[in-house]
Amino acid sequence: MQVLKFGGTSVANSANINRVVDIVLRVLEEDKTIVVASAIGGATDMLVEIGKAAESADKERYEQGLQDLEIRHMTIIDELIPKDFQEDIRTEIVALFKELRGICKGVYRIQELSMRSMDLIMSYGEIISTKIIYTKFLSMGLGCKWVDGREIVRTRHEHSQNVVDMALTKENATNAFIGNRTKLFFVPGFVASNEMGRTTTLGRGGSDYTASLIAASLGARRLEIWTDVSGMMTADPHIVPNAKTIEYISYREALELSHFGAKVVYPPTIQPLVAKGIPIIVKNTFDPQGKGTLIESNPPESKSNIKGISSSNSLALLSMEGSGMVGIPGYSSRFFDALSKNEINIVLITQASSVHTMLVVIDEADAVKAKKAVDDLFAYEISLGKLEPLKVEKGFSIISLVGDGMKSQSGASGRMFDALGRKGITIRAIAQGSS
């Protein structure tokens, strides 16, 4: 059993989908294959905008958006699918867009876009794209099956988030794929359902996560992630032109690089595969013969102790200060709980040894929400002068050096600080993992 995931760029048009077809046909000879795909490139962003336009009562904009999106998919069908197989898929896509228009019409009427409605609207991107890709393979005479991702991945609502029910997801995947004589399956990524059968989603990058959950549930021998870059790079090639592909990397290193800015692999994707020791191969749809990156438990030793450098921009630094911090029971847990309840993701944490200052880095977009949440929570302590109001500074970036071998190498941090200093860059906070 092997799982292949293709991103939005890989399925953005008929020419790219034909590349996907070639890749799948090559690996299908080896083993039973499950293909997980994203929405066509840009479709999810369009669906979000369509939902927002409906909420703001901009009927012309949301209707035009739906029309444009439907035309894009119909163009792909016309160019990709043989004429004899087009009628059924066209009818099915028209029906799906009719459903989508009905949902948007409801949002337009009440001028309210709930999380449930947004999940439902966004889910159509992956469902439609995989239906089209599946039909292409059917037209080639291949025995294959389309499986609804909402019937595989089960979520439950915790702390305003959709959390995957691992046990039930494994049970669903086992029932759907194990013992089935079909050799090729197509599954829409990103989509899931809750205990009431309502559509939920797994967040941006969630198609990677869908593929990982299925691979882990079935004990697949590998997960291949096909994207528009040749694996994980030593640095962002847009910033560092001579960046190179990392051939081998550990799960931990890949997780660190992904968390701190390398967008090739969605961070939650890695964790389900670690316990099973299932390798991840990241490859380029547009250069299928390239080596790509192999992510596994114990990769071969590298000549360099530093595997890569990643960066994240548009961040805000939150500073909580006060001599009374040391005397407030459970201060840290209350602080983090306030951010969590407001769905604010923490990128980095550091605390002075004096326990009088805590620094937290978050996305700039969450800064206002974070300040209100924390200041409201500690209003009493602030009024007594034990704490200062939360200080928010924007315009920060994080630069991360990642490599398992750094623990046995001296001077790496010093060289980085020296390089930053020569460019006049001030370091405001430092954090280092024990690994």
Protein backbone atom coordinates (compact mmCIF):
# COMPACT_ATOMS: atom_id res chain seq x y z
CA MET A 1 0.00 0.00 0.00
CA GLN A 2 1.29 3.45 -0.93
CA VAL A 3 -0.28 6.89 -0.67
CA LEU A 4 0.42 9.70 -3.14
CA LYS A 5 -0.66 13.27 -2.49
CA PHE A 6 -0.77 15.94 -5.21
CA GLY A 7 -0.96 19.64 -4.41
CA GLY A 8 -3.01 22.39 -6.02
CA THR A 9 -0.37 23.40 -8.55
CA SER A 10 0.03 19.77 -9.62
CA VAL A 11 -3.68 19.58 -10.54
CA ALA A 12 -4.20 23.21 -11.60
CA ASN A 13 -4.98 22.47 -15.26
CA SER A 14 -5.32 19.63 -17.75
CA ALA A 15 -1.63 19.63 -18.72
CA ASN A 16 -0.57 19.26 -15.09
CA ILE A 17 -3.13 16.54 -14.40
CA ASN A 18 -1.72 14.59 -17.36
CA ARG A 19 1.63 14.72 -15.56
CA VAL A 20 -0.12 13.31 -12.49
CA VAL A 21 -1.53 10.52 -14.65
CA ASP A 22 1.96 9.55 -15.84
CA ILE A 23 3.32 9.50 -12.29
CA VAL A 24 0.46 7.38 -10.93
CA LEU A 25 0.66 4.88 -13.80
CA ARG A 26 4.37 4.34 -13.10
CA VAL A 27 3.91 3.58 -9.39
CA LEU A 28 0.66 1.65 -9.79
CA GLU A 29 2.63 -1.32 -11.11
CA GLU A 30 4.37 -1.60 -7.73
CA ASP A 31 1.49 -1.68 -5.24
CA LYS A 32 -2.08 -0.75 -4.38
CA THR A 33 -2.24 3.05 -4.54
CA ILE A 34 -4.33 5.74 -2.88
CA VAL A 35 -4.22 9.18 -4.51
CA VAL A 36 -5.12 12.19 -2.36
CA ALA A 37 -5.47 15.51 -4.16
CA SER A 38 -5.97 19.16 -3.31
CA ALA A 39 -8.35 21.56 -4.99
CA ILE A 40 -7.09 22.98 -8.29
CA GLY A 41 -4.61 25.80 -7.75
CA GLY A 42 -6.24 28.92 -6.33
CA ALA A 43 -9.68 27.32 -5.92
CA THR A 44 -9.71 27.33 -2.11
CA ASP A 45 -8.82 31.04 -2.01
CA MET A 46 -11.59 31.71 -4.52
CA LEU A 47 -14.11 29.76 -2.43
CA VAL A 48 -13.15 31.74 0.68
CA GLU A 49 -13.67 35.00 -1.21
CA ILE A 50 -16.97 33.76 -2.60
CA GLY A 51 -18.18 32.97 0.92
CA LYS A 52 -17.11 36.38 2.19
CA ALA A 53 -18.78 38.13 -0.75
CA ALA A 54 -22.02 36.30 -0.01
CA GLU A 55 -21.81 37.29 3.66
CA SER A 56 -21.30 40.94 2.74
CA ALA A 57 -24.37 40.79 0.43
CA ASP A 58 -22.24 41.30 -2.68
CA LYS A 59 -24.38 39.11 -4.91
CA GLU A 60 -22.72 40.07 -8.16
CA ARG A 61 -19.23 39.22 -6.86
CA TYR A 62 -20.08 35.83 -5.36
CA GLU A 63 -22.13 34.77 -8.40
CA GLN A 64 -19.34 35.84 -10.76
CA GLY A 65 -16.81 33.97 -8.63
CA LEU A 66 -18.86 30.78 -8.80
CA GLN A 67 -19.28 31.15 -12.55
CA ASP A 68 -15.55 31.69 -13.09
CA LEU A 69 -14.69 28.68 -10.94
CA GLU A 70 -17.19 26.45 -12.72
CA ILE A 71 -15.81 27.51 -16.11
CA ARG A 72 -12.27 26.63 -14.97
CA HIS A 73 -13.34 23.12 -14.03
CA MET A 74 -15.38 22.65 -17.20
CA THR A 75 -12.38 23.74 -19.28
CA ILE A 76 -10.26 21.09 -17.57
CA ILE A 77 -12.92 18.47 -18.30
CA ASP A 78 -13.10 19.52 -21.95
CA GLU A 79 -9.32 19.32 -22.38
CA LEU A 80 -8.68 16.25 -20.20
CA ILE A 81 -11.58 13.83 -20.52
CA PRO A 82 -12.46 12.02 -23.79
CA LYS A 83 -15.79 13.16 -25.23
CA ASP A 84 -17.46 9.79 -24.60
CA PHE A 85 -16.86 10.19 -20.84
CA GLN A 86 -17.72 13.85 -20.44
CA GLU A 87 -21.49 13.75 -20.06
CA ASP A 88 -21.63 12.08 -16.64
CA ILE A 89 -18.84 14.13 -15.07
CA ARG A 90 -20.26 17.38 -16.47
CA THR A 91 -23.67 16.52 -15.02
CA GLU A 92 -22.08 15.74 -11.65
CA ILE A 93 -20.04 18.96 -11.56
CA VAL A 94 -23.08 21.04 -12.53
CA ALA A 95 -25.00 19.42 -9.65
CA LEU A 96 -22.18 20.15 -7.19
CA PHE A 97 -22.05 23.81 -8.23
CA LYS A 98 -25.84 23.97 -7.87
CA GLU A 99 -25.44 22.79 -4.27
CA LEU A 100 -22.68 25.35 -3.74
CA ARG A 101 -24.84 28.15 -5.13
CA GLY A 102 -27.61 27.15 -2.74
CA ILE A 103 -25.26 27.35 0.25
CA CYS A 104 -23.95 30.75 -0.85
CA LYS A 105 -27.51 31.98 -1.40
CA GLY A 106 -28.34 31.05 2.19
CA VAL A 107 -25.26 32.92 3.47
CA TYR A 108 -26.26 35.91 1.31
CA ARG A 109 -29.78 35.98 2.73
CA ILE A 110 -28.79 35.95 6.40
CA GLN A 111 -25.50 37.81 5.82
CA GLU A 112 -23.72 35.49 8.20
CA LEU A 113 -20.87 33.09 7.42
CA SER A 114 -20.46 30.57 10.22
CA MET A 115 -17.45 28.29 10.56
CA ARG A 116 -19.69 25.38 9.54
CA SER A 117 -20.80 27.17 6.38
CA MET A 118 -17.24 28.15 5.49
CA ASP A 119 -16.06 24.56 5.94
CA LEU A 120 -18.85 23.38 3.67
CA ILE A 121 -18.08 25.96 0.98
CA MET A 122 -14.34 25.22 1.00
CA SER A 123 -14.88 21.45 0.86
CA TYR A 124 -16.16 21.60 -2.71
CA GLY A 125 -12.71 22.39 -4.13
CA GLU A 126 -11.18 19.01 -3.28
CA ILE A 127 -14.37 17.06 -3.97
CA ILE A 128 -14.68 18.47 -7.48
CA SER A 129 -11.00 18.17 -8.41
CA THR A 130 -10.76 14.51 -7.36
CA LYS A 131 -13.99 13.65 -9.19
CA ILE A 132 -12.43 14.97 -12.40
CA ILE A 133 -9.10 13.18 -11.89
CA TYR A 134 -10.92 9.95 -11.04
CA THR A 135 -12.96 10.22 -14.25
CA LYS A 136 -9.78 10.64 -16.28
CA PHE A 137 -8.50 7.28 -15.01
CA LEU A 138 -11.89 5.65 -15.57
CA SER A 139 -11.80 6.81 -19.18
CA MET A 140 -8.49 4.96 -19.58
CA GLY A 141 -10.14 1.68 -18.67
CA LEU A 142 -8.53 1.40 -15.25
CA GLY A 143 -10.48 -0.15 -12.42
CA CYS A 144 -10.53 2.51 -9.72
CA LYS A 145 -12.75 3.97 -7.02
CA TRP A 146 -13.52 7.42 -5.63
CA VAL A 147 -13.79 7.44 -1.82
CA ASP A 148 -15.23 10.45 0.03
CA GLY A 149 -12.63 11.79 2.48
CA ARG A 150 -15.47 12.81 4.80
CA GLU A 151 -16.23 9.12 5.29
CA ILE A 152 -12.63 8.42 6.29
CA VAL A 153 -11.39 11.27 8.48
CA ARG A 154 -13.50 11.89 11.58
CA THR A 155 -13.10 15.00 13.72
CA ARG A 156 -14.47 16.27 17.02
CA HIS A 157 -14.74 19.85 18.26
CA GLU A 158 -12.28 20.80 21.01
CA HIS A 159 -11.28 24.32 22.07
CA SER A 160 -12.83 25.88 18.94
CA GLN A 161 -10.84 23.55 16.69
CA ASN A 162 -11.49 20.42 14.66
CA VAL A 163 -9.38 17.66 16.24
CA VAL A 164 -8.94 14.35 14.44
CA ASP A 165 -10.34 11.25 16.12
CA MET A 166 -7.41 8.95 15.32
CA ALA A 167 -9.04 5.69 16.39
CA LEU A 168 -12.22 6.21 14.37
CA THR A 169 -10.27 7.49 11.37
CA LYS A 170 -8.14 4.33 11.42
CA GLU A 171 -11.26 2.17 11.63
CA ASN A 172 -12.87 4.00 8.70
CA ALA A 173 -9.72 3.75 6.57
CA THR A 174 -9.35 0.04 7.31
CA ASN A 175 -12.95 -0.64 6.32
CA ALA A 176 -12.65 1.38 3.12
CA PHE A 177 -9.36 0.10 1.77
CA ILE A 178 -8.23 -3.15 3.39
CA GLY A 179 -9.67 -6.24 1.71
CA ASN A 180 -10.89 -4.19 -1.24
CA ARG A 181 -9.63 -5.74 -4.48
CA THR A 182 -9.51 -2.36 -6.24
CA LYS A 183 -5.90 -1.29 -6.83
CA LEU A 184 -6.40 2.46 -7.28
CA PHE A 185 -8.38 4.87 -5.12
CA PHE A 186 -8.96 8.63 -5.26
CA VAL A 187 -9.69 10.60 -2.08
CA PRO A 188 -10.34 14.35 -1.69
CA GLY A 189 -7.91 15.81 0.82
CA PHE A 190 -8.65 18.53 3.38
CA VAL A 191 -12.23 17.39 4.08
CA ALA A 192 -13.55 15.45 7.06
CA SER A 193 -16.76 15.05 9.05
CA ASN A 194 -17.72 15.25 12.71
CA GLU A 195 -19.72 12.89 14.90
CA MET A 196 -22.96 14.36 13.51
CA GLY A 197 -21.89 13.76 9.92
CA ARG A 198 -21.38 17.45 9.18
CA THR A 199 -18.57 18.51 6.88
CA THR A 200 -15.43 19.84 8.58
CA THR A 201 -11.98 20.71 7.26
CA LEU A 202 -8.41 20.13 8.40
CA GLY A 203 -7.01 23.62 7.84
CA ARG A 204 -4.84 25.03 5.08
CA GLY A 205 -2.43 22.33 3.99
CA GLY A 206 -4.93 19.78 5.23
CA SER A 207 -4.65 17.58 2.13
CA ASP A 208 -1.14 16.61 3.26
CA TYR A 209 -2.65 15.71 6.62
CA THR A 210 -5.39 13.59 5.02
CA ALA A 211 -2.76 11.61 3.12
CA SER A 212 -0.69 11.17 6.29
CA LEU A 213 -3.66 9.98 8.34
CA ILE A 214 -4.59 7.41 5.71
CA ALA A 215 -0.98 6.21 5.35
CA ALA A 216 -0.59 5.85 9.13
CA SER A 217 -3.97 4.15 9.53
CA LEU A 218 -3.13 1.52 6.91
CA GLY A 219 0.55 1.08 7.71
CA ALA A 220 1.46 2.14 4.18
CA ARG A 221 5.02 1.51 3.10
CA ARG A 222 5.47 5.15 2.09
CA LEU A 223 3.78 8.52 1.59
CA GLU A 224 4.74 10.53 -1.45
CA ILE A 225 3.98 14.26 -1.48
CA TRP A 226 4.11 15.69 -5.00
CA THR A 227 4.40 19.45 -5.20
CA ASP A 228 5.91 22.18 -7.40
CA VAL A 229 9.37 22.20 -5.80
CA SER A 230 12.08 19.54 -5.77
CA GLY A 231 11.77 18.52 -2.13
CA MET A 232 12.78 20.40 1.00
CA MET A 233 15.51 22.96 0.42
CA THR A 234 18.46 24.10 2.54
CA ALA A 235 16.91 27.60 2.39
CA ASP A 236 14.17 29.48 0.57
CA PRO A 237 15.43 29.57 -3.05
CA HIS A 238 13.66 32.90 -3.60
CA ILE A 239 15.95 34.40 -0.93
CA VAL A 240 19.02 32.20 -1.30
CA PRO A 241 19.51 31.44 -5.02
CA ASN A 242 22.11 28.72 -4.41
CA ALA A 243 19.87 26.75 -2.01
CA LYS A 244 20.02 23.00 -2.61
CA THR A 245 17.62 20.10 -2.19
CA ILE A 246 18.02 18.18 1.06
CA GLU A 247 18.22 14.52 0.02
CA TYR A 248 17.75 12.98 3.48
CA ILE A 249 16.29 14.48 6.64
CA SER A 250 14.89 13.16 9.92
CA TYR A 251 11.27 13.54 10.98
CA ARG A 252 12.34 15.91 13.74
CA GLU A 253 14.39 18.12 11.42
CA ALA A 254 11.59 18.24 8.84
CA LEU A 255 9.08 19.15 11.55
CA GLU A 256 11.30 22.00 12.78
CA LEU A 257 11.87 23.39 9.29
CA SER A 258 8.14 23.20 8.50
CA HIS A 259 7.14 24.85 11.78
CA PHE A 260 9.48 27.78 11.26
CA GLY A 261 8.62 28.66 7.69
CA ALA A 262 9.45 25.89 5.18
CA LYS A 263 6.03 25.43 3.55
CA VAL A 264 6.73 22.28 1.53
CA VAL A 265 5.18 19.95 4.13
CA TYR A 266 2.23 20.90 6.36
CA PRO A 267 3.62 20.40 9.92
CA PRO A 268 0.85 18.12 11.32
CA THR A 269 1.51 15.73 8.43
CA ILE A 270 4.67 14.33 9.97
CA GLN A 271 3.50 13.30 13.44
CA PRO A 272 1.11 10.41 12.56
CA LEU A 273 3.87 8.71 10.56
CA VAL A 274 6.63 8.87 13.17
CA ALA A 275 5.39 6.03 15.40
CA LYS A 276 4.89 3.76 12.40
CA GLY A 277 8.24 4.69 10.84
CA ILE A 278 6.58 5.38 7.49
CA PRO A 279 8.89 7.41 5.23
CA ILE A 280 7.77 10.55 3.42
CA ILE A 281 9.13 11.33 -0.04
CA VAL A 282 8.72 14.91 -1.26
CA LYS A 283 9.03 15.20 -5.04
CA ASN A 284 8.41 17.64 -7.88
CA THR A 285 5.52 16.89 -10.24
CA PHE A 286 7.35 18.87 -12.93
CA ASP A 287 10.64 17.00 -12.43
CA PRO A 288 9.54 13.47 -11.53
CA GLN A 289 13.00 12.00 -12.18
CA GLY A 290 14.58 14.29 -9.57
CA LYS A 291 15.57 12.69 -6.25
CA GLY A 292 13.49 14.92 -4.01
CA THR A 293 13.71 14.61 -0.22
CA LEU A 294 13.37 11.46 1.86
CA ILE A 295 12.07 12.06 5.40
CA GLU A 296 12.61 9.11 7.75
CA SER A 297 13.60 8.07 11.27
CA ASN A 298 17.32 7.55 10.77
CA PRO A 299 18.60 9.23 7.61
CA PRO A 300 22.20 8.75 6.49
CA GLU A 301 24.71 11.04 8.18
CA SER A 302 25.13 14.38 6.46
CA LYS A 303 28.42 16.17 5.79
CA SER A 304 26.90 19.26 7.39
CA ASN A 305 25.45 19.33 10.90
CA ILE A 306 23.04 22.05 9.76
CA LYS A 307 20.34 20.66 7.45
CA GLY A 308 18.59 23.90 6.63
CA ILE A 309 17.70 27.48 7.43
CA SER A 310 14.08 28.59 7.48
CA SER A 311 12.39 31.90 8.14
CA SER A 312 8.99 33.30 9.02
CA ASN A 313 7.94 36.92 8.52
CA SER A 314 5.09 39.24 9.58
CA LEU A 315 5.28 38.21 13.21
CA ALA A 316 4.47 40.05 16.43
CA LEU A 317 6.41 39.92 19.68
CA LEU A 318 4.28 39.86 22.85
CA SER A 319 5.98 40.91 26.08
CA MET A 320 4.40 40.32 29.48
CA GLU A 321 6.33 41.95 32.30
CA GLY A 322 5.86 42.56 35.99
CA SER A 323 7.55 41.90 39.28
CA GLY A 324 4.39 40.19 40.47
CA MET A 325 4.56 37.42 37.88
CA VAL A 326 6.47 35.17 40.24
CA GLY A 327 3.67 35.39 42.80
CA ILE A 328 0.74 34.67 40.50
CA PRO A 329 -0.16 30.96 40.71
CA GLY A 330 -0.59 29.29 37.33
CA TYR A 331 0.30 32.47 35.47
CA SER A 332 1.84 30.72 32.49
CA SER A 333 -0.98 28.22 32.03
CA ARG A 334 -3.59 30.99 32.27
CA PHE A 335 -1.65 33.06 29.72
CA PHE A 336 -1.43 30.23 27.20
CA ASP A 337 -5.02 29.18 27.83
CA ALA A 338 -6.20 32.70 26.93
CA LEU A 339 -4.35 32.50 23.60
CA SER A 340 -5.60 28.99 22.91
CA LYS A 341 -9.24 29.85 23.56
CA ASN A 342 -8.91 32.65 21.02
CA GLU A 343 -7.37 30.30 18.43
CA ILE A 344 -4.02 32.09 18.48
CA ASN A 345 -1.10 29.94 17.39
CA ILE A 346 2.18 30.41 19.27
CA VAL A 347 5.29 30.28 17.08
CA LEU A 348 7.98 30.70 19.74
CA ILE A 349 8.24 31.08 23.53
CA THR A 350 11.11 32.27 25.71
CA GLN A 351 11.21 33.39 29.33
CA ALA A 352 13.85 35.22 31.34
CA SER A 353 15.39 33.27 34.20
CA SER A 354 14.13 35.91 36.59
CA VAL A 355 10.55 34.93 35.68
CA HIS A 356 9.74 38.65 35.43
CA THR A 357 9.38 38.67 31.64
CA MET A 358 7.79 36.31 29.15
CA LEU A 359 8.18 36.71 25.40
CA VAL A 360 5.85 35.03 22.92
CA VAL A 361 5.88 35.27 19.13
CA ILE A 362 2.64 35.02 17.15
CA ASP A 363 1.33 35.98 13.72
CA GLU A 364 0.82 39.74 13.30
CA ALA A 365 -2.79 39.17 12.25
CA ASP A 366 -3.58 37.86 15.76
CA ALA A 367 -1.86 40.66 17.69
CA VAL A 368 -4.93 42.77 18.50
CA LYS A 369 -6.95 39.75 19.53
CA ALA A 370 -4.10 38.49 21.72
CA LYS A 371 -3.69 41.79 23.56
CA LYS A 372 -7.38 42.01 24.38
CA ALA A 373 -7.54 38.40 25.55
CA VAL A 374 -4.52 38.67 27.85
CA ASP A 375 -5.27 42.14 29.22
CA ASP A 376 -8.87 41.11 29.98
CA LEU A 377 -7.71 37.95 31.74
CA PHE A 378 -5.19 39.75 33.95
CA ALA A 379 -7.16 42.99 34.40
CA TYR A 380 -7.14 42.64 38.18
CA GLU A 381 -3.37 42.03 38.43
CA ILE A 382 -2.73 44.92 36.02
CA SER A 383 -4.90 47.23 38.12
CA LEU A 384 -2.79 46.35 41.19
CA GLY A 385 0.44 47.07 39.31
CA LYS A 386 1.65 43.49 39.57
CA LEU A 387 1.68 43.19 35.79
CA GLU A 388 2.11 45.61 32.93
CA PRO A 389 -0.44 45.59 30.10
CA LEU A 390 0.65 43.24 27.32
CA LYS A 391 3.18 44.94 25.06
CA VAL A 392 2.80 44.21 21.35
CA GLU A 393 5.52 44.93 18.77
CA LYS A 394 5.06 44.11 15.10
CA GLY A 395 7.34 43.63 12.12
CA PHE A 396 9.43 40.73 13.41
CA SER A 397 10.94 37.72 11.65
CA ILE A 398 12.27 34.41 12.91
CA ILE A 399 15.37 32.77 11.47
CA SER A 400 15.94 29.14 12.41
CA LEU A 401 18.97 26.89 12.05
CA VAL A 402 17.89 23.25 12.01
CA GLY A 403 19.99 20.12 12.24
CA ASP A 404 20.20 17.09 14.53
CA GLY A 405 24.00 17.33 14.39
CA MET A 406 24.12 20.82 15.89
CA LYS A 407 24.10 19.40 19.43
CA SER A 408 27.63 18.08 18.83
CA GLN A 409 28.91 21.12 16.94
CA SER A 410 30.24 24.19 18.70
CA GLY A 411 30.12 27.69 17.29
CA ALA A 412 27.10 27.38 14.97
CA SER A 413 25.00 29.87 16.93
CA GLY A 414 27.92 32.25 17.28
CA ARG A 415 28.51 32.29 13.54
CA MET A 416 24.83 33.05 12.93
CA PHE A 417 24.78 35.88 15.47
CA ASP A 418 27.96 37.30 13.95
CA ALA A 419 26.46 37.24 10.46
CA LEU A 420 23.32 39.03 11.68
CA GLY A 421 25.37 41.57 13.61
CA ARG A 422 27.43 42.46 10.54
CA LYS A 423 24.18 43.35 8.77
CA GLY A 424 22.96 45.49 11.67
CA ILE A 425 20.16 43.09 12.62
CA THR A 426 19.11 43.21 16.27
CA ILE A 427 18.24 39.95 18.04
CA ARG A 428 15.36 40.39 20.47
CA ALA A 429 14.73 36.80 21.56
CA ILE A 430 16.53 33.46 21.34
CA ALA A 431 15.24 29.94 21.80
CA GLN A 432 17.13 26.68 21.41
CA GLY A 433 15.93 23.09 21.50
CA SER A 434 17.79 20.48 23.49
CA SER A 435 18.14 18.41 20.33
